[in-house]
C-alpha cells in the first residue's frame, strides 16, 4: 500500500468536488464570461480529476 497514491487520490477527488460544486453554483456567471464552453471545460476537468483519483486509489492497493 502506497500512502502517496492514497493522498494524491484524496486530493484529486477533493479538488474535483470543489470544482464541480463551483461550476454548478456559478454556471450562469461562467457561461456569460467564457461562453458555452467555459462550464463544459470545468465539468470535463472535474471528471478527469475524479477518474485520476479513482485510478490512483486502486493503484495504491496493487501488489508489487
C-alpha atoms as a PDB file:
ATOM      1  CA  UNK A   1       0.000   0.000   0.000  1.00  0.00           C
ATOM      2  CA  UNK A   2       1.412   3.353  -1.017  1.00  0.00           C
ATOM      3  CA  UNK A   3       0.396   6.263   1.138  1.00  0.00           C
ATOM      4  CA  UNK A   4       1.409   8.801  -1.505  1.00  0.00           C
ATOM      5  CA  UNK A   5      -1.051   7.337  -4.009  1.00  0.00           C
ATOM      6  CA  UNK A   6      -3.854   7.461  -1.464  1.00  0.00           C
ATOM      7  CA  UNK A   7      -3.010  11.077  -0.646  1.00  0.00           C
ATOM      8  CA  UNK A   8      -2.984  12.074  -4.318  1.00  0.00           C
ATOM      9  CA  UNK A   9      -6.258  10.222  -4.776  1.00  0.00           C
ATOM     10  CA  UNK A  10      -7.936  12.112  -1.951  1.00  0.00           C
ATOM     11  CA  UNK A  11      -6.591  15.459  -3.162  1.00  0.00           C
ATOM     12  CA  UNK A  12      -7.861  14.792  -6.702  1.00  0.00           C
ATOM     13  CA  UNK A  13     -11.327  13.826  -5.530  1.00  0.00           C
ATOM     14  CA  UNK A  14     -11.484  16.803  -3.145  1.00  0.00           C
ATOM     15  CA  UNK A  15     -10.401  19.221  -5.887  1.00  0.00           C
ATOM     16  CA  UNK A  16     -12.903  17.716  -8.322  1.00  0.00           C
ATOM     17  CA  UNK A  17     -15.669  18.005  -5.752  1.00  0.00           C
ATOM     18  CA  UNK A  18     -14.960  21.687  -5.137  1.00  0.00           C
ATOM     19  CA  UNK A  19     -14.594  22.385  -8.853  1.00  0.00           C
ATOM     20  CA  UNK A  20     -17.891  20.708  -9.735  1.00  0.00           C
ATOM     21  CA  UNK A  21     -19.708  22.466  -6.897  1.00  0.00           C
ATOM     22  CA  UNK A  22     -18.376  25.847  -8.025  1.00  0.00           C
ATOM     23  CA  UNK A  23     -19.363  25.128 -11.621  1.00  0.00           C
ATOM     24  CA  UNK A  24     -22.853  24.172 -10.500  1.00  0.00           C
ATOM     25  CA  UNK A  25     -23.355  27.249  -8.317  1.00  0.00           C
ATOM     26  CA  UNK A  26     -21.926  29.805 -10.760  1.00  0.00           C
ATOM     27  CA  UNK A  27     -22.992  28.253 -14.055  1.00  0.00           C
ATOM     28  CA  UNK A  28     -24.588  31.402 -15.474  1.00  0.00           C
ATOM     29  CA  UNK A  29     -21.668  33.633 -14.495  1.00  0.00           C
ATOM     30  CA  UNK A  30     -19.095  31.293 -16.039  1.00  0.00           C
ATOM     31  CA  UNK A  31     -21.198  30.901 -19.181  1.00  0.00           C
ATOM     32  CA  UNK A  32     -21.532  34.686 -19.510  1.00  0.00           C
ATOM     33  CA  UNK A  33     -17.781  35.245 -19.119  1.00  0.00           C
ATOM     34  CA  UNK A  34     -16.371  32.344 -21.125  1.00  0.00           C
ATOM     35  CA  UNK A  35     -19.202  31.306 -23.414  1.00  0.00           C
ATOM     36  CA  UNK A  36     -20.837  27.888 -23.555  1.00  0.00           C
ATOM     37  CA  UNK A  37     -17.508  26.028 -23.443  1.00  0.00           C
ATOM     38  CA  UNK A  38     -16.482  27.521 -20.090  1.00  0.00           C
ATOM     39  CA  UNK A  39     -18.747  25.411 -17.873  1.00  0.00           C
ATOM     40  CA  UNK A  40     -18.183  22.402 -20.117  1.00  0.00           C
ATOM     41  CA  UNK A  41     -14.417  22.699 -19.673  1.00  0.00           C
ATOM     42  CA  UNK A  42     -14.753  22.940 -15.890  1.00  0.00           C
ATOM     43  CA  UNK A  43     -17.036  19.901 -15.732  1.00  0.00           C
ATOM     44  CA  UNK A  44     -14.718  17.901 -18.021  1.00  0.00           C
ATOM     45  CA  UNK A  45     -11.746  18.814 -15.813  1.00  0.00           C
ATOM     46  CA  UNK A  46     -13.714  17.672 -12.772  1.00  0.00           C
ATOM     47  CA  UNK A  47     -14.484  14.308 -14.374  1.00  0.00           C
ATOM     48  CA  UNK A  48     -10.834  13.900 -15.323  1.00  0.00           C
ATOM     49  CA  UNK A  49      -9.778  14.561 -11.721  1.00  0.00           C
ATOM     50  CA  UNK A  50     -12.340  12.057 -10.434  1.00  0.00           C
ATOM     51  CA  UNK A  51     -11.093   9.367 -12.810  1.00  0.00           C
ATOM     52  CA  UNK A  52      -7.487  10.143 -11.873  1.00  0.00           C
ATOM     53  CA  UNK A  53      -8.363   9.898  -8.188  1.00  0.00           C
ATOM     54  CA  UNK A  54     -10.068   6.526  -8.639  1.00  0.00           C
ATOM     55  CA  UNK A  55      -7.146   5.141 -10.643  1.00  0.00           C
ATOM     56  CA  UNK A  56      -4.615   6.327  -8.069  1.00  0.00           C
ATOM     57  CA  UNK A  57      -6.686   4.809  -5.264  1.00  0.00           C
ATOM     58  CA  UNK A  58      -6.716   1.386  -6.918  1.00  0.00           C
ATOM     59  CA  UNK A  59      -3.024   1.628  -7.766  1.00  0.00           C
ATOM     60  CA  UNK A  60      -2.248   2.218  -4.101  1.00  0.00           C
ATOM     61  CA  UNK A  61      -3.509  -1.260  -3.215  1.00  0.00           C
ATOM     62  CA  UNK A  62      -1.947  -3.106  -6.145  1.00  0.00           C
ATOM     63  CA  UNK A  63       0.605  -5.706  -5.172  1.00  0.00           C
ATOM     64  CA  UNK A  64       4.167  -5.070  -6.251  1.00  0.00           C
END
